[in-house]
Amino acid sequence: MGLDYLHHGCKPSIIHRDVKTTNILLGNNLEAKLADFGLSRAFNNDEVSHISTIVAGTLGYLDPEYFNTGKLNEKSDVYSFGIVLLELITGRKPVVEDSTKENNRLVQWVQSLIERGDRDTIADPRLKGDFENCSICKALEIAMACTMASSTKRVTMNEVVMQLKECTTQSATCDEINVDINEMIPTNLGSEPSTI
């Protein structure tokens, strides 16, 4: 809800630019708190569609569209949040740095498993199957909607918040993940880290 507030509750909006697991702290009641606003930028989305800026952020969480164009908007934070969700679901890091494998980025790895219909391998094995299938499927669907290749096709943080609330109330079983694989992140994202 913090990112939703930054994007829609603040005037002007604030783009964090470095959403990652180490910048999400837990309070006394395990409430998530977003930290480290050192790279953040104010953004008046009523007047402009993006900010052109020097690319900054953390490799693995960095929106590839922003990385390639230098055009920053709130959907860059949405992408990063999607990677955080994928980390929570899979128990994996966003990039396997010493990997020589083709799918060394988390989003590519998940995408390849979805394409093969191998959803069961996606969830963190340390959970040993002790989770609500529909909730994990819904969270995965949300994460993949956050990491669409085109920022215009990504969901907003407001939509993410509403959909995540649904995860806690759903009891039906999920038969498939409703994400168009062809719209997802391409596999050739470049390998150079961003300027920090």
C-alpha atoms as a PDB file:
ATOM      1  CA  MET A   1       0.000   0.000   0.000  1.00  0.00           C
ATOM      2  CA  GLY A   2       2.999   2.276   0.466  1.00  0.00           C
ATOM      3  CA  LEU A   3       3.812   2.353  -3.256  1.00  0.00           C
ATOM      4  CA  ASP A   4       0.157   2.938  -4.071  1.00  0.00           C
ATOM      5  CA  TYR A   5       0.216   5.944  -1.731  1.00  0.00           C
ATOM      6  CA  LEU A   6       3.436   7.294  -3.288  1.00  0.00           C
ATOM      7  CA  HIS A   7       1.976   6.959  -6.788  1.00  0.00           C
ATOM      8  CA  HIS A   8      -1.609   8.075  -6.154  1.00  0.00           C
ATOM      9  CA  GLY A   9      -1.813   9.710  -2.716  1.00  0.00           C
ATOM     10  CA  CYS A  10       1.088  12.165  -2.938  1.00  0.00           C
ATOM     11  CA  LYS A  11       0.985  15.361  -4.979  1.00  0.00           C
ATOM     12  CA  PRO A  12       3.256  15.314  -6.854  1.00  0.00           C
ATOM     13  CA  SER A  13       3.588  11.540  -7.073  1.00  0.00           C
ATOM     14  CA  ILE A  14       6.841   9.953  -5.951  1.00  0.00           C
ATOM     15  CA  ILE A  15       8.658   7.243  -7.884  1.00  0.00           C
ATOM     16  CA  HIS A  16      10.872   5.236  -5.532  1.00  0.00           C
ATOM     17  CA  ARG A  17      13.255   3.853  -8.219  1.00  0.00           C
ATOM     18  CA  ASP A  18      14.801   1.200  -5.961  1.00  0.00           C
ATOM     19  CA  VAL A  19      12.018  -1.116  -4.796  1.00  0.00           C
ATOM     20  CA  LYS A  20      13.661  -4.359  -3.651  1.00  0.00           C
ATOM     21  CA  THR A  21      13.400  -6.780  -0.754  1.00  0.00           C
ATOM     22  CA  THR A  22      16.192  -5.126   1.237  1.00  0.00           C
ATOM     23  CA  ASN A  23      14.328  -1.796   1.066  1.00  0.00           C
ATOM     24  CA  ILE A  24      11.160  -3.278   2.566  1.00  0.00           C
ATOM     25  CA  LEU A  25      11.303  -3.337   6.351  1.00  0.00           C
ATOM     26  CA  LEU A  26       8.847  -4.987   8.735  1.00  0.00           C
ATOM     27  CA  GLY A  27       7.329  -3.078  11.649  1.00  0.00           C
ATOM     28  CA  ASN A  28       6.208  -4.434  15.032  1.00  0.00           C
ATOM     29  CA  ASN A  29       3.018  -5.937  13.605  1.00  0.00           C
ATOM     30  CA  LEU A  30       4.809  -7.271  10.508  1.00  0.00           C
ATOM     31  CA  GLU A  31       3.533  -4.331   8.477  1.00  0.00           C
ATOM     32  CA  ALA A  32       5.755  -3.653   5.471  1.00  0.00           C
ATOM     33  CA  LYS A  33       7.485  -0.270   5.397  1.00  0.00           C
ATOM     34  CA  LEU A  34       9.239   1.034   2.288  1.00  0.00           C
ATOM     35  CA  ALA A  35      12.696   2.469   3.035  1.00  0.00           C
ATOM     36  CA  ASP A  36      15.633   4.179   1.284  1.00  0.00           C
ATOM     37  CA  PHE A  37      14.267   7.068  -0.726  1.00  0.00           C
ATOM     38  CA  GLY A  38      17.739   8.167  -1.876  1.00  0.00           C
ATOM     39  CA  LEU A  39      16.962   7.540  -5.560  1.00  0.00           C
ATOM     40  CA  SER A  40      13.323   8.674  -5.499  1.00  0.00           C
ATOM     41  CA  ARG A  41      11.967  11.339  -7.834  1.00  0.00           C
ATOM     42  CA  ALA A  42       8.884  13.547  -7.713  1.00  0.00           C
ATOM     43  CA  PHE A  43       6.672  13.030 -10.741  1.00  0.00           C
ATOM     44  CA  ASN A  44       3.692  15.135 -11.774  1.00  0.00           C
ATOM     45  CA  ASN A  45       1.773  12.536 -13.776  1.00  0.00           C
ATOM     46  CA  ASP A  46      -1.000  15.059 -14.486  1.00  0.00           C
ATOM     47  CA  GLU A  47       1.391  17.019 -16.703  1.00  0.00           C
ATOM     48  CA  VAL A  48       3.845  14.484 -18.193  1.00  0.00           C
ATOM     49  CA  SER A  49       3.893  10.768 -18.995  1.00  0.00           C
ATOM     50  CA  HIS A  50       7.468  10.159 -17.840  1.00  0.00           C
ATOM     51  CA  ILE A  51      10.678  11.717 -16.556  1.00  0.00           C
ATOM     52  CA  SER A  52      13.843  11.376 -18.635  1.00  0.00           C
ATOM     53  CA  THR A  53      16.655  10.666 -16.211  1.00  0.00           C
ATOM     54  CA  ILE A  54      19.943   8.857 -15.754  1.00  0.00           C
ATOM     55  CA  VAL A  55      19.082   5.235 -15.068  1.00  0.00           C
ATOM     56  CA  ALA A  56      19.474   4.250 -11.415  1.00  0.00           C
ATOM     57  CA  GLY A  57      18.364   1.251  -9.417  1.00  0.00           C
ATOM     58  CA  THR A  58      19.380  -2.304  -8.636  1.00  0.00           C
ATOM     59  CA  LEU A  59      20.113  -4.966 -11.237  1.00  0.00           C
ATOM     60  CA  GLY A  60      17.419  -7.619 -11.224  1.00  0.00           C
ATOM     61  CA  TYR A  61      14.729  -5.227 -10.001  1.00  0.00           C
ATOM     62  CA  LEU A  62      15.299  -2.559 -12.654  1.00  0.00           C
ATOM     63  CA  ASP A  63      12.521  -2.064 -15.210  1.00  0.00           C
ATOM     64  CA  PRO A  64      14.031  -3.057 -18.592  1.00  0.00           C
ATOM     65  CA  GLU A  65      11.990  -0.414 -20.434  1.00  0.00           C
ATOM     66  CA  TYR A  66      13.386   2.306 -18.149  1.00  0.00           C
ATOM     67  CA  PHE A  67      16.871   0.774 -18.439  1.00  0.00           C
ATOM     68  CA  ASN A  68      16.723   0.885 -22.254  1.00  0.00           C
ATOM     69  CA  THR A  69      15.077   4.310 -22.703  1.00  0.00           C
ATOM     70  CA  GLY A  70      15.909   6.350 -19.582  1.00  0.00           C
ATOM     71  CA  LYS A  71      12.182   7.186 -19.373  1.00  0.00           C
ATOM     72  CA  LEU A  72      10.958   6.763 -15.808  1.00  0.00           C
ATOM     73  CA  ASN A  73       7.330   6.519 -14.705  1.00  0.00           C
ATOM     74  CA  GLU A  74       5.387   4.899 -11.860  1.00  0.00           C
ATOM     75  CA  LYS A  75       5.201   1.616 -13.797  1.00  0.00           C
ATOM     76  CA  SER A  76       8.962   1.251 -13.229  1.00  0.00           C
ATOM     77  CA  ASP A  77       8.201   0.784  -9.518  1.00  0.00           C
ATOM     78  CA  VAL A  78       5.401  -1.628 -10.459  1.00  0.00           C
ATOM     79  CA  TYR A  79       7.908  -3.779 -12.362  1.00  0.00           C
ATOM     80  CA  SER A  80      10.264  -3.820  -9.364  1.00  0.00           C
ATOM     81  CA  PHE A  81       7.410  -4.757  -7.037  1.00  0.00           C
ATOM     82  CA  GLY A  82       6.555  -7.647  -9.370  1.00  0.00           C
ATOM     83  CA  ILE A  83      10.102  -8.937  -8.955  1.00  0.00           C
ATOM     84  CA  VAL A  84       9.745  -8.681  -5.156  1.00  0.00           C
ATOM     85  CA  LEU A  85       6.537 -10.751  -5.380  1.00  0.00           C
ATOM     86  CA  LEU A  86       8.320 -13.348  -7.520  1.00  0.00           C
ATOM     87  CA  GLU A  87      11.082 -13.543  -4.902  1.00  0.00           C
ATOM     88  CA  LEU A  88       8.501 -14.159  -2.180  1.00  0.00           C
ATOM     89  CA  ILE A  89       6.695 -16.815  -4.225  1.00  0.00           C
ATOM     90  CA  THR A  90       9.780 -18.680  -5.444  1.00  0.00           C
ATOM     91  CA  GLY A  91      12.316 -18.115  -2.674  1.00  0.00           C
ATOM     92  CA  ARG A  92      14.860 -17.223  -5.378  1.00  0.00           C
ATOM     93  CA  LYS A  93      16.987 -14.134  -5.982  1.00  0.00           C
ATOM     94  CA  PRO A  94      16.092 -11.884  -8.942  1.00  0.00           C
ATOM     95  CA  VAL A  95      19.352 -12.705 -10.754  1.00  0.00           C
ATOM     96  CA  VAL A  96      21.616 -15.720 -10.495  1.00  0.00           C
ATOM     97  CA  GLU A  97      24.879 -13.855 -11.039  1.00  0.00           C
ATOM     98  CA  ASP A  98      27.196 -16.826 -11.583  1.00  0.00           C
ATOM     99  CA  SER A  99      24.768 -18.681 -13.818  1.00  0.00           C
ATOM    100  CA  THR A 100      25.679 -19.521 -17.386  1.00  0.00           C
ATOM    101  CA  LYS A 101      22.132 -20.657 -17.999  1.00  0.00           C
ATOM    102  CA  GLU A 102      19.868 -18.839 -20.445  1.00  0.00           C
ATOM    103  CA  ASN A 103      17.230 -18.189 -17.759  1.00  0.00           C
ATOM    104  CA  ASN A 104      19.462 -16.485 -15.198  1.00  0.00           C
ATOM    105  CA  ARG A 105      16.844 -13.838 -14.373  1.00  0.00           C
ATOM    106  CA  LEU A 106      13.965 -14.780 -12.096  1.00  0.00           C
ATOM    107  CA  VAL A 107      11.255 -13.448 -14.391  1.00  0.00           C
ATOM    108  CA  GLN A 108      12.655 -15.506 -17.305  1.00  0.00           C
ATOM    109  CA  TRP A 109      12.834 -18.637 -15.170  1.00  0.00           C
ATOM    110  CA  VAL A 110       9.210 -18.254 -14.037  1.00  0.00           C
ATOM    111  CA  GLN A 111       8.114 -17.448 -17.588  1.00  0.00           C
ATOM    112  CA  SER A 112       9.745 -20.622 -18.932  1.00  0.00           C
ATOM    113  CA  LEU A 113       8.037 -22.763 -16.269  1.00  0.00           C
ATOM    114  CA  ILE A 114       4.644 -21.205 -17.048  1.00  0.00           C
ATOM    115  CA  GLU A 115       5.186 -21.826 -20.770  1.00  0.00           C
ATOM    116  CA  ARG A 116       5.944 -25.494 -20.047  1.00  0.00           C
ATOM    117  CA  GLY A 117       2.909 -25.761 -17.766  1.00  0.00           C
ATOM    118  CA  ASP A 118       5.162 -26.569 -14.810  1.00  0.00           C
ATOM    119  CA  ARG A 119       3.544 -24.331 -12.176  1.00  0.00           C
ATOM    120  CA  ASP A 120       4.295 -26.707  -9.315  1.00  0.00           C
ATOM    121  CA  THR A 121       8.042 -26.024  -9.558  1.00  0.00           C
ATOM    122  CA  ILE A 122       7.587 -22.260  -9.172  1.00  0.00           C
ATOM    123  CA  ALA A 123       6.621 -22.120  -5.474  1.00  0.00           C
ATOM    124  CA  ASP A 124       9.424 -21.993  -2.904  1.00  0.00           C
ATOM    125  CA  PRO A 125      10.299 -25.642  -2.136  1.00  0.00           C
ATOM    126  CA  ARG A 126      10.931 -24.714   1.508  1.00  0.00           C
ATOM    127  CA  LEU A 127       7.152 -24.296   1.846  1.00  0.00           C
ATOM    128  CA  LYS A 128       6.804 -28.048   1.157  1.00  0.00           C
ATOM    129  CA  GLY A 129       3.390 -27.497  -0.397  1.00  0.00           C
ATOM    130  CA  ASP A 130       2.039 -25.817   2.756  1.00  0.00           C
ATOM    131  CA  PHE A 131       0.198 -22.953   1.038  1.00  0.00           C
ATOM    132  CA  GLU A 132      -3.158 -22.138  -0.508  1.00  0.00           C
ATOM    133  CA  ASN A 133      -2.842 -23.003  -4.219  1.00  0.00           C
ATOM    134  CA  CYS A 134      -5.265 -20.351  -5.390  1.00  0.00           C
ATOM    135  CA  SER A 135      -3.551 -17.622  -3.391  1.00  0.00           C
ATOM    136  CA  ILE A 136      -0.137 -18.514  -4.776  1.00  0.00           C
ATOM    137  CA  CYS A 137      -1.554 -18.671  -8.316  1.00  0.00           C
ATOM    138  CA  LYS A 138      -3.208 -15.278  -7.894  1.00  0.00           C
ATOM    139  CA  ALA A 139      -0.025 -13.759  -6.446  1.00  0.00           C
ATOM    140  CA  LEU A 140       1.929 -15.215  -9.376  1.00  0.00           C
ATOM    141  CA  GLU A 141      -0.589 -13.793 -11.829  1.00  0.00           C
ATOM    142  CA  ILE A 142      -0.222 -10.364 -10.200  1.00  0.00           C
ATOM    143  CA  ALA A 143       3.589 -10.583 -10.262  1.00  0.00           C
ATOM    144  CA  MET A 144       3.600 -11.457 -13.950  1.00  0.00           C
ATOM    145  CA  ALA A 145       1.147  -8.622 -14.714  1.00  0.00           C
ATOM    146  CA  CYS A 146       3.594  -6.266 -12.954  1.00  0.00           C
ATOM    147  CA  THR A 147       6.510  -7.450 -15.083  1.00  0.00           C
ATOM    148  CA  MET A 148       4.982  -7.080 -18.548  1.00  0.00           C
ATOM    149  CA  ALA A 149       7.515  -5.916 -21.156  1.00  0.00           C
ATOM    150  CA  SER A 150       5.567  -2.753 -21.988  1.00  0.00           C
ATOM    151  CA  SER A 151       4.899  -0.401 -19.087  1.00  0.00           C
ATOM    152  CA  THR A 152       1.549   0.548 -20.626  1.00  0.00           C
ATOM    153  CA  LYS A 153       0.377  -3.063 -20.213  1.00  0.00           C
ATOM    154  CA  ARG A 154       1.388  -3.318 -16.558  1.00  0.00           C
ATOM    155  CA  VAL A 155      -1.150  -2.971 -13.793  1.00  0.00           C
ATOM    156  CA  THR A 156      -1.129   0.039 -11.451  1.00  0.00           C
ATOM    157  CA  MET A 157      -0.190  -0.269  -7.788  1.00  0.00           C
ATOM    158  CA  ASN A 158      -3.826   0.487  -6.952  1.00  0.00           C
ATOM    159  CA  GLU A 159      -4.859  -2.596  -8.943  1.00  0.00           C
ATOM    160  CA  VAL A 160      -2.085  -4.636  -7.307  1.00  0.00           C
ATOM    161  CA  VAL A 161      -3.316  -3.715  -3.817  1.00  0.00           C
ATOM    162  CA  MET A 162      -6.904  -4.673  -4.668  1.00  0.00           C
ATOM    163  CA  GLN A 163      -5.845  -7.961  -6.263  1.00  0.00           C
ATOM    164  CA  LEU A 164      -3.529  -8.905  -3.391  1.00  0.00           C
ATOM    165  CA  LYS A 165      -6.400  -8.392  -0.959  1.00  0.00           C
ATOM    166  CA  GLU A 166      -8.360 -10.897  -3.070  1.00  0.00           C
ATOM    167  CA  CYS A 167      -5.552 -13.432  -2.561  1.00  0.00           C
ATOM    168  CA  THR A 168      -6.313 -13.606   1.133  1.00  0.00           C
ATOM    169  CA  THR A 169     -10.027 -14.191   0.588  1.00  0.00           C
ATOM    170  CA  GLN A 170     -10.086 -16.620  -2.348  1.00  0.00           C
ATOM    171  CA  SER A 171     -10.819 -20.262  -1.658  1.00  0.00           C
ATOM    172  CA  ALA A 172     -11.423 -21.633  -5.154  1.00  0.00           C
ATOM    173  CA  THR A 173      -8.712 -23.550  -7.004  1.00  0.00           C
ATOM    174  CA  CYS A 174      -6.746 -22.009  -9.844  1.00  0.00           C
ATOM    175  CA  ASP A 175      -6.607 -23.917 -13.104  1.00  0.00           C
ATOM    176  CA  GLU A 176      -4.378 -21.572 -15.063  1.00  0.00           C
ATOM    177  CA  ILE A 177      -2.445 -18.352 -14.838  1.00  0.00           C
ATOM    178  CA  ASN A 178      -4.221 -15.649 -16.817  1.00  0.00           C
ATOM    179  CA  VAL A 179      -1.192 -13.857 -18.235  1.00  0.00           C
ATOM    180  CA  ASP A 180      -0.380 -13.590 -21.931  1.00  0.00           C
ATOM    181  CA  ILE A 181       3.127 -15.032 -22.156  1.00  0.00           C
ATOM    182  CA  ASN A 182       3.740 -13.181 -25.428  1.00  0.00           C
ATOM    183  CA  GLU A 183       3.382  -9.846 -23.596  1.00  0.00           C
ATOM    184  CA  MET A 184       5.952 -10.653 -20.942  1.00  0.00           C
ATOM    185  CA  ILE A 185       9.564  -9.604 -20.595  1.00  0.00           C
ATOM    186  CA  PRO A 186      11.784 -10.641 -23.521  1.00  0.00           C
ATOM    187  CA  THR A 187      14.701 -12.924 -22.717  1.00  0.00           C
ATOM    188  CA  ASN A 188      17.415 -10.604 -24.090  1.00  0.00           C
ATOM    189  CA  LEU A 189      17.394  -7.834 -21.495  1.00  0.00           C
ATOM    190  CA  GLY A 190      21.085  -7.027 -21.611  1.00  0.00           C
ATOM    191  CA  SER A 191      23.509  -7.869 -18.877  1.00  0.00           C
ATOM    192  CA  GLU A 192      24.976  -4.554 -17.840  1.00  0.00           C
ATOM    193  CA  PRO A 193      24.113  -3.320 -14.348  1.00  0.00           C
ATOM    194  CA  SER A 194      22.503   0.068 -13.984  1.00  0.00           C
ATOM    195  CA  THR A 195      24.212   3.229 -12.835  1.00  0.00           C
ATOM    196  CA  ILE A 196      23.713   3.645  -9.107  1.00  0.00           C
END
